[in-house]
Protein backbone atom coordinates (compact mmCIF):
# COMPACT_ATOMS: atom_id res chain seq x y z
CA MET A 1 -98.12 -93.70 101.77
CA HIS A 2 -99.12 -91.50 100.73
CA LEU A 3 -96.13 -71.08 105.30
CA LYS A 4 -95.47 -66.84 109.41
CA LYS A 5 -98.15 -64.80 107.77
CA ALA A 6 -101.76 -64.01 108.52
CA THR A 7 -103.20 -66.58 106.13
CA ALA A 8 -102.21 -69.98 105.01
CA TYR A 9 -101.71 -68.79 101.41
CA LEU A 10 -99.04 -66.20 102.46
CA ALA A 11 -97.49 -68.61 104.82
CA LEU A 12 -97.10 -71.23 102.23
CA ALA A 13 -95.88 -68.68 99.68
CA SER A 14 -93.22 -67.56 102.04
CA VAL A 15 -91.32 -70.84 101.62
CA VAL A 16 -90.74 -69.50 98.04
CA THR A 17 -90.03 -65.90 98.64
CA THR A 18 -88.07 -65.86 101.81
CA GLY A 19 -86.10 -69.15 101.85
CA ILE A 20 -86.00 -69.18 105.71
CA THR A 21 -85.61 -72.64 107.16
CA PHE A 22 -87.26 -73.72 110.32
CA GLY A 23 -84.85 -74.21 113.30
CA ALA A 24 -81.76 -73.15 111.49
CA SER A 25 -78.99 -72.55 114.04
CA PRO A 26 -75.34 -71.79 113.30
CA ALA A 27 -74.43 -73.10 116.90
CA TRP A 28 -75.34 -76.64 116.08
CA ALA A 29 -72.15 -78.65 115.44
CA ALA A 30 -73.30 -82.45 115.27
CA PRO A 31 -70.84 -84.86 113.93
CA PRO A 32 -71.49 -86.26 110.44
CA THR A 33 -74.26 -88.85 110.99
CA ALA A 34 -76.61 -90.92 108.91
CA TYR A 35 -80.15 -92.04 110.04
CA VAL A 36 -81.68 -95.14 108.69
CA THR A 37 -85.28 -96.14 109.23
CA SER A 38 -85.89 -99.78 110.26
CA GLU A 39 -89.51 -100.83 110.02
CA THR A 40 -89.10 -103.03 112.94
CA ALA A 41 -86.34 -101.65 115.09
CA GLY A 42 -86.87 -97.83 114.85
CA VAL A 43 -84.03 -95.60 113.58
CA GLY A 44 -80.28 -96.69 113.31
CA VAL A 45 -77.80 -93.85 113.88
CA ILE A 46 -74.66 -94.44 112.02
CA ASP A 47 -71.26 -92.57 112.92
CA LEU A 48 -69.92 -91.57 109.56
CA ASP A 49 -66.43 -91.09 111.00
CA GLN A 50 -66.23 -94.60 112.12
CA MET A 51 -68.77 -96.04 109.59
CA THR A 52 -70.51 -98.01 112.43
CA LEU A 53 -73.95 -98.43 113.88
CA ALA A 54 -73.51 -96.06 116.96
CA LYS A 55 -76.97 -96.59 118.38
CA THR A 56 -80.79 -97.31 117.68
CA PHE A 57 -83.64 -95.10 118.56
CA ALA A 58 -86.41 -97.56 119.40
CA PHE A 59 -90.11 -96.60 118.85
CA GLY A 60 -91.85 -99.69 119.69
CA ASP A 61 -94.11 -100.89 116.73
CA ASP A 62 -94.33 -97.54 115.01
CA GLY A 63 -92.88 -98.98 111.72
CA PRO A 64 -91.08 -95.81 110.47
CA ARG A 65 -90.32 -95.62 106.86
CA GLY A 66 -90.08 -92.10 105.26
CA LEU A 67 -87.82 -89.69 106.93
CA SER A 68 -86.33 -86.21 106.56
CA LEU A 69 -84.19 -83.83 108.60
CA THR A 70 -84.51 -80.09 109.46
CA ALA A 71 -81.74 -78.04 107.93
CA ASP A 72 -79.99 -77.70 111.25
CA GLY A 73 -79.91 -81.50 111.93
CA ARG A 74 -81.74 -81.11 115.34
CA ARG A 75 -84.98 -82.66 114.41
CA LEU A 76 -85.80 -85.86 112.53
CA LEU A 77 -89.26 -86.23 110.95
CA LEU A 78 -90.58 -89.76 110.56
CA ALA A 79 -93.60 -91.17 108.74
CA ASN A 80 -95.03 -93.98 110.85
CA LYS A 81 -96.96 -96.74 109.48
CA LYS A 82 -98.77 -98.33 112.41
CA PRO A 83 -99.98 -95.03 114.22
CA GLY A 84 -100.56 -93.19 110.90
CA ASP A 85 -98.71 -90.15 112.16
CA LEU A 86 -95.65 -87.82 111.74
CA SER A 87 -93.24 -87.72 114.70
CA GLU A 88 -90.62 -85.35 115.53
CA VAL A 89 -87.43 -86.66 117.06
CA ASP A 90 -84.69 -84.99 118.85
CA THR A 91 -81.57 -86.12 117.24
CA ALA A 92 -79.48 -85.63 120.20
CA THR A 93 -81.57 -87.81 122.62
CA GLY A 94 -83.71 -89.91 120.18
CA LYS A 95 -86.75 -88.76 122.23
CA ILE A 96 -90.10 -88.01 120.52
CA LEU A 97 -90.92 -84.44 121.10
CA ARG A 98 -94.21 -84.08 119.26
CA ARG A 99 -96.68 -86.19 116.94
CA VAL A 100 -99.30 -85.15 114.58
CA LYS A 101 -102.00 -87.41 113.09
CA ILE A 102 -101.55 -87.75 109.28
CA GLY A 103 -103.89 -90.75 108.12
CA LYS A 104 -103.55 -94.21 106.84
CA ASN A 105 -100.36 -95.37 105.42
CA PRO A 106 -97.84 -92.39 105.60
CA GLU A 107 -94.94 -93.26 103.62
CA PHE A 108 -92.78 -90.50 102.13
CA VAL A 109 -91.78 -87.28 103.83
CA ARG A 110 -89.69 -84.32 102.64
CA VAL A 111 -88.79 -81.11 104.70
CA HIS A 112 -88.87 -78.11 102.38
CA GLY A 113 -88.45 -74.78 104.01
CA ASN A 114 -90.43 -74.49 107.26
CA TYR A 115 -92.83 -77.32 106.21
CA ALA A 116 -92.94 -81.04 106.02
CA TYR A 117 -94.81 -82.78 102.95
CA VAL A 118 -95.99 -86.26 103.82
CA THR A 119 -97.70 -88.63 101.46
CA TYR A 120 -100.51 -90.98 102.79
CA GLU A 121 -103.63 -92.74 101.85
CA PRO A 122 -106.68 -91.58 103.66
CA GLY A 123 -109.02 -94.33 102.69
CA GLU A 124 -112.74 -93.85 103.17
CA ASP A 125 -112.61 -92.53 106.73
CA GLY A 126 -109.21 -90.84 106.79
CA GLY A 127 -107.82 -87.40 106.10
CA PRO A 128 -107.21 -84.45 108.08
CA PRO A 129 -109.73 -83.51 110.93
CA PRO A 130 -112.36 -80.92 110.09
CA GLY A 131 -111.15 -77.32 110.14
CA VAL A 132 -107.79 -78.22 108.45
CA SER A 133 -107.32 -76.29 105.33
CA GLY A 134 -108.07 -78.72 102.53
CA ALA A 135 -110.36 -81.05 104.75
CA PRO A 136 -114.12 -81.33 103.91
CA GLY A 137 -115.73 -78.16 105.12
CA ALA A 138 -112.63 -76.30 105.77
CA PRO A 139 -111.86 -72.85 104.18
CA GLY A 140 -110.14 -73.27 100.83
CA ALA A 141 -111.03 -77.04 100.70
CA SER A 142 -110.49 -78.73 97.32
CA GLY A 143 -113.27 -80.94 95.97
CA GLY A 144 -111.88 -84.00 94.30
CA ALA A 145 -108.51 -85.08 92.84
CA PRO A 146 -106.41 -82.77 90.70
CA GLY A 147 -107.37 -82.83 86.99
CA ALA A 148 -105.35 -83.37 84.12
CA ASP A 149 -104.05 -80.67 81.70
CA LYS A 150 -107.62 -80.23 80.16
CA GLY A 151 -109.46 -80.53 83.52
CA GLY A 152 -110.29 -84.31 83.36
CA PRO A 153 -109.21 -86.67 86.21
CA PRO A 154 -106.04 -88.46 85.95
CA GLY A 155 -106.21 -91.94 84.30
CA ALA A 156 -106.17 -95.08 86.43
CA GLY A 157 -103.34 -97.36 85.41
CA LYS A 158 -104.47 -100.43 87.62
CA GLY A 159 -107.91 -100.95 86.47
CA ASP A 160 -111.36 -100.32 87.89
CA ASP A 161 -110.51 -101.50 91.48
CA ASN A 162 -107.80 -99.03 92.07
CA ALA A 163 -109.73 -96.20 90.14
CA ASN A 164 -112.53 -96.58 92.62
CA GLU A 165 -110.23 -96.24 95.68
CA PRO A 166 -109.90 -92.87 97.42
CA PRO A 167 -106.79 -91.06 95.92
CA ALA A 168 -103.77 -90.46 97.97
CA GLU A 169 -102.92 -87.07 99.78
CA ILE A 170 -100.01 -85.02 100.68
CA ALA A 171 -100.33 -83.48 104.23
CA ILE A 172 -98.54 -80.09 104.55
CA VAL A 173 -97.27 -79.91 108.17
CA ASP A 174 -96.15 -76.64 109.76
CA LEU A 175 -92.98 -77.52 111.53
CA LYS A 176 -93.34 -74.55 114.03
CA THR A 177 -96.71 -75.80 115.46
CA LEU A 178 -96.63 -79.49 114.04
CA ARG A 179 -100.02 -79.13 112.75
CA VAL A 180 -101.52 -80.14 109.29
CA ILE A 181 -102.48 -76.90 107.75
CA ARG A 182 -103.50 -78.22 104.36
CA SER A 183 -104.05 -81.63 102.65
CA VAL A 184 -103.67 -81.83 98.87
CA LYS A 185 -105.41 -84.62 96.92
CA SER A 186 -103.12 -86.51 94.67
CA GLY A 187 -103.32 -89.52 92.36
CA HIS A 188 -103.42 -93.18 93.66
CA GLU A 189 -100.53 -94.44 95.74
CA THR A 190 -98.43 -91.37 95.74
CA GLU A 191 -94.74 -92.10 96.30
CA GLY A 192 -91.92 -89.58 95.51
CA VAL A 193 -91.91 -85.96 96.18
CA GLU A 194 -89.64 -83.25 94.38
CA PHE A 195 -89.61 -79.54 94.18
CA SER A 196 -88.71 -77.12 91.15
CA GLY A 197 -85.43 -75.28 91.33
CA ASP A 198 -87.39 -72.01 92.13
CA GLY A 199 -89.40 -73.67 94.92
CA ARG A 200 -92.53 -72.73 93.30
CA GLU A 201 -93.87 -76.29 92.08
CA MET A 202 -94.21 -79.59 93.87
CA LEU A 203 -94.17 -82.70 91.78
CA VAL A 204 -95.32 -86.28 93.05
CA THR A 205 -95.27 -89.62 91.52
CA ASN A 206 -98.38 -91.72 91.63
CA GLU A 207 -97.72 -95.31 91.03
CA GLY A 208 -101.29 -96.52 91.24
CA ASP A 209 -102.40 -94.62 88.30
CA ASP A 210 -99.17 -93.99 86.40
CA THR A 211 -99.16 -90.27 86.70
CA VAL A 212 -96.89 -87.37 87.90
CA SER A 213 -98.91 -84.69 89.50
CA VAL A 214 -97.69 -81.07 89.68
CA TYR A 215 -98.92 -78.39 92.34
CA HIS A 216 -98.18 -74.84 93.12
CA VAL A 217 -96.40 -74.85 96.34
CA GLY A 218 -97.82 -71.50 97.40
CA THR A 219 -101.49 -72.62 97.20
CA GLY A 220 -101.51 -76.31 96.73
CA ALA A 221 -103.44 -75.80 93.64
CA PRO A 222 -103.08 -78.47 90.88
CA LEU A 223 -101.17 -77.34 87.82
CA ARG A 224 -101.20 -80.34 85.64
CA THR A 225 -101.04 -84.22 85.52
CA LEU A 226 -98.69 -86.01 83.22
CA LYS A 227 -99.85 -89.47 82.26
CA LEU A 228 -97.16 -92.11 81.74
CA ASP A 229 -97.27 -95.51 80.31
CA HIS A 230 -100.02 -97.81 81.47
CA GLY A 231 -98.87 -100.10 84.25
CA SER A 232 -95.45 -98.38 84.52
CA ARG A 233 -95.78 -97.41 88.25
CA PRO A 234 -93.70 -94.31 88.61
CA ARG A 235 -91.87 -94.14 91.95
CA GLY A 236 -88.70 -92.11 92.29
CA ILE A 237 -88.38 -88.61 91.10
CA LYS A 238 -85.33 -86.13 91.26
CA ARG A 239 -84.56 -82.82 89.67
CA SER A 240 -81.50 -82.55 87.66
CA PRO A 241 -78.76 -80.22 89.34
CA ASP A 242 -79.16 -77.53 86.74
CA GLY A 243 -83.07 -77.53 87.18
CA LYS A 244 -83.81 -78.19 83.73
CA GLN A 245 -85.00 -81.71 83.85
CA TYR A 246 -86.67 -84.38 86.19
CA VAL A 247 -85.86 -88.11 86.17
CA VAL A 248 -88.60 -90.46 86.96
CA THR A 249 -88.18 -94.18 87.67
CA LEU A 250 -90.80 -96.59 86.21
CA GLU A 251 -90.81 -99.62 88.46
CA ASN A 252 -92.81 -102.17 86.51
CA THR A 253 -91.39 -101.31 83.08
CA ASN A 254 -87.75 -101.23 84.03
CA LYS A 255 -87.02 -97.76 82.69
CA PHE A 256 -86.59 -94.25 83.72
CA VAL A 257 -87.98 -91.10 81.79
CA VAL A 258 -86.41 -87.83 81.55
CA LEU A 259 -88.79 -84.83 81.73
CA ASP A 260 -88.40 -81.29 80.55
CA ALA A 261 -88.82 -79.15 83.55
CA HIS A 262 -90.88 -76.54 81.82
CA SER A 263 -93.04 -78.36 79.32
CA PHE A 264 -92.96 -81.70 81.12
CA LYS A 265 -92.58 -83.42 77.89
CA VAL A 266 -90.72 -86.79 77.95
CA LEU A 267 -87.26 -86.18 76.43
CA LYS A 268 -85.78 -89.64 76.69
CA THR A 269 -86.76 -93.09 77.99
CA VAL A 270 -83.77 -95.18 79.24
CA ASP A 271 -83.95 -98.92 80.07
CA THR A 272 -82.82 -100.21 83.52
CA GLN A 273 -82.38 -103.37 85.44
CA LEU A 274 -85.44 -104.79 87.23
CA GLY A 275 -87.52 -102.68 89.64
CA PRO A 276 -85.97 -99.20 89.53
CA TYR A 277 -86.89 -96.97 92.42
CA GLY A 278 -84.48 -94.72 94.36
CA VAL A 279 -82.72 -92.10 92.08
CA ALA A 280 -80.41 -89.36 92.74
CA PHE A 281 -77.50 -87.35 90.97
CA ASP A 282 -74.08 -87.51 92.53
CA PRO A 283 -72.67 -84.44 94.35
CA ALA A 284 -70.81 -83.34 91.07
CA GLY A 285 -73.73 -83.66 88.97
CA LYS A 286 -71.96 -85.75 86.63
CA ARG A 287 -73.45 -89.28 87.35
CA LEU A 288 -77.15 -90.31 87.82
CA MET A 289 -77.63 -93.28 90.26
CA VAL A 290 -80.69 -95.59 90.10
CA ALA A 291 -81.52 -98.29 92.64
CA ALA A 292 -82.76 -101.11 90.70
CA ALA A 293 -84.10 -103.19 93.55
CA ARG A 294 -85.39 -106.35 91.93
CA GLY A 295 -82.17 -106.61 89.91
CA LYS A 296 -80.03 -106.17 92.97
CA VAL A 297 -77.93 -103.55 91.45
CA LEU A 298 -77.24 -99.79 91.81
CA GLN A 299 -76.90 -98.45 88.27
CA VAL A 300 -74.60 -95.55 87.20
CA PHE A 301 -75.58 -93.35 84.26
CA ASP A 302 -73.92 -90.49 82.62
CA ALA A 303 -76.02 -87.43 83.97
CA ARG A 304 -75.78 -85.53 80.65
CA THR A 305 -76.25 -88.24 77.91
CA PHE A 306 -77.80 -90.76 80.34
CA ASP A 307 -75.67 -93.44 78.76
CA HIS A 308 -75.19 -96.56 81.07
CA VAL A 309 -71.81 -96.50 82.80
CA THR A 310 -71.72 -99.48 85.27
CA ASP A 311 -73.69 -101.59 87.60
CA VAL A 312 -72.92 -102.13 91.26
CA PRO A 313 -74.12 -105.44 92.84
CA VAL A 314 -75.94 -104.75 96.08
CA GLY A 315 -78.13 -106.56 98.47
CA LEU A 316 -82.06 -107.36 98.74
CA ARG A 317 -84.53 -104.62 98.35
CA CYS A 318 -82.35 -101.59 98.33
CA TRP A 319 -84.77 -98.84 97.57
CA HIS A 320 -83.13 -95.72 98.90
CA PHE A 321 -79.44 -94.47 99.12
CA SER A 322 -77.44 -91.54 100.01
CA PHE A 323 -73.84 -90.13 99.54
CA THR A 324 -71.95 -89.26 102.64
CA PRO A 325 -71.62 -85.40 103.24
CA ASP A 326 -68.00 -85.45 101.97
CA GLY A 327 -69.17 -87.15 98.65
CA SER A 328 -66.57 -90.04 99.36
CA LYS A 329 -69.05 -93.06 99.76
CA LEU A 330 -72.41 -94.27 98.68
CA MET A 331 -74.82 -95.83 101.46
CA LEU A 332 -77.63 -98.03 100.36
CA ALA A 333 -80.41 -99.09 102.89
CA CYS A 334 -81.18 -102.65 101.91
CA GLY A 335 -84.39 -103.84 103.56
CA ARG A 336 -84.31 -107.58 102.94
CA SER A 337 -80.72 -107.79 103.69
CA ASN A 338 -81.31 -106.00 107.13
CA ALA A 339 -78.18 -103.84 106.46
CA VAL A 340 -76.73 -100.56 104.97
CA TYR A 341 -74.28 -101.42 102.09
CA VAL A 342 -71.40 -98.88 101.81
CA PHE A 343 -69.36 -98.38 98.59
CA ASP A 344 -66.55 -96.09 97.47
CA ALA A 345 -68.25 -93.47 95.45
CA THR A 346 -65.43 -93.11 92.90
CA SER A 347 -64.50 -96.67 92.17
CA TYR A 348 -67.90 -98.32 93.36
CA GLN A 349 -66.01 -100.96 95.25
CA PRO A 350 -67.56 -102.31 98.43
CA VAL A 351 -66.27 -100.75 101.65
CA LYS A 352 -68.37 -102.59 104.37
CA GLN A 353 -71.83 -103.69 105.36
CA ILE A 354 -73.45 -102.23 108.40
CA GLU A 355 -75.63 -104.88 110.07
CA GLY A 356 -78.45 -104.63 112.65
CA LEU A 357 -81.01 -102.78 110.70
CA PRO A 358 -83.89 -105.00 110.04
CA LEU A 359 -86.17 -103.98 107.07
CA ALA A 360 -84.17 -100.90 106.46
CA TRP A 361 -86.25 -98.36 104.44
CA GLY A 362 -84.55 -94.94 103.92
CA ILE A 363 -81.56 -93.01 104.75
CA VAL A 364 -80.57 -89.33 105.24
CA THR A 365 -77.41 -87.68 106.56
CA TYR A 366 -76.45 -84.72 108.40
CA PRO A 367 -74.80 -82.66 107.11
CA HIS A 368 -77.07 -82.80 104.15
CA SER A 369 -75.96 -84.89 101.10
CA ALA A 370 -77.19 -86.03 97.92
CA GLY A 371 -79.63 -88.95 98.09
CA SER A 372 -82.87 -90.45 96.70
CA ILE A 373 -84.51 -88.99 99.94
CA GLU A 374 -83.51 -85.46 100.71
């Protein structure tokens, strides 16, 4: 699972203060496209005008899962399970341009500014190489997992076995050099990654110890750890369009919680169908979508009141989804159905299934659109 200044601190902080995005180029004019990771086939490339699988980028047995795009759509970043690395793919050719070693079990990747944030589980022998900021013996290295609000370690939600395992980490990768410049210790089995509206805070969900950890983006310093219900396994996390709240899905207790973005207090707890994971607001900010994977439905809630609106029957193991760039359709990556399910985003009626995507994991689009992975 699991910024161009003279120092790492100033470089990281530049994400907040400058807003410059790596690789942005107004000359790039790619057609609307969706990219879907397939754990066995590579990456499916969907032509959104035709709504067909146009081609597949094959990467052997890499096992890509998490994915993210640079703002200009030229580069696709993939978290690869088997080699334990992050690869940079040219979206025009499907060729791997560069790789960087991350560690055991990289899973979730988010591009934010000029950097990629990759969750992974370093294990006893993993982690970044010596000399990387945050690694043992490196300048600015952090000792131990982030503490709770009062300085204590986050509680373990899965018992002693899990508590004794090494915590997950988030590798911060400079997209210009494709080097890990810092690795931040997190909780156990880190899943989702989200950023505050002002870009100053990074939040991650830790399903193994039932926590949400909050970090300062500029320094990677832990700010606080929020403990959720024992055994709830928080997975997806999404900031509301107005930046005032976060929604966190709790896979094992079949709920989501709404957190105040400033105090991090739980404002509301809402029941869902079985196994909620992916979560996103629609482009208009009027609806909240939750992929209840075990229940085989995409659930729709009112984004203001969080009242339940409707359920949309979907396939098997539909963890992540995305709207199309024009907001007219919803696309779900359904891993055990080996397909992407497409629905009308207004009526929620089925449009089609795009086959040929074995163990589909995640989906992103260019141009960028609202989704559970962005």
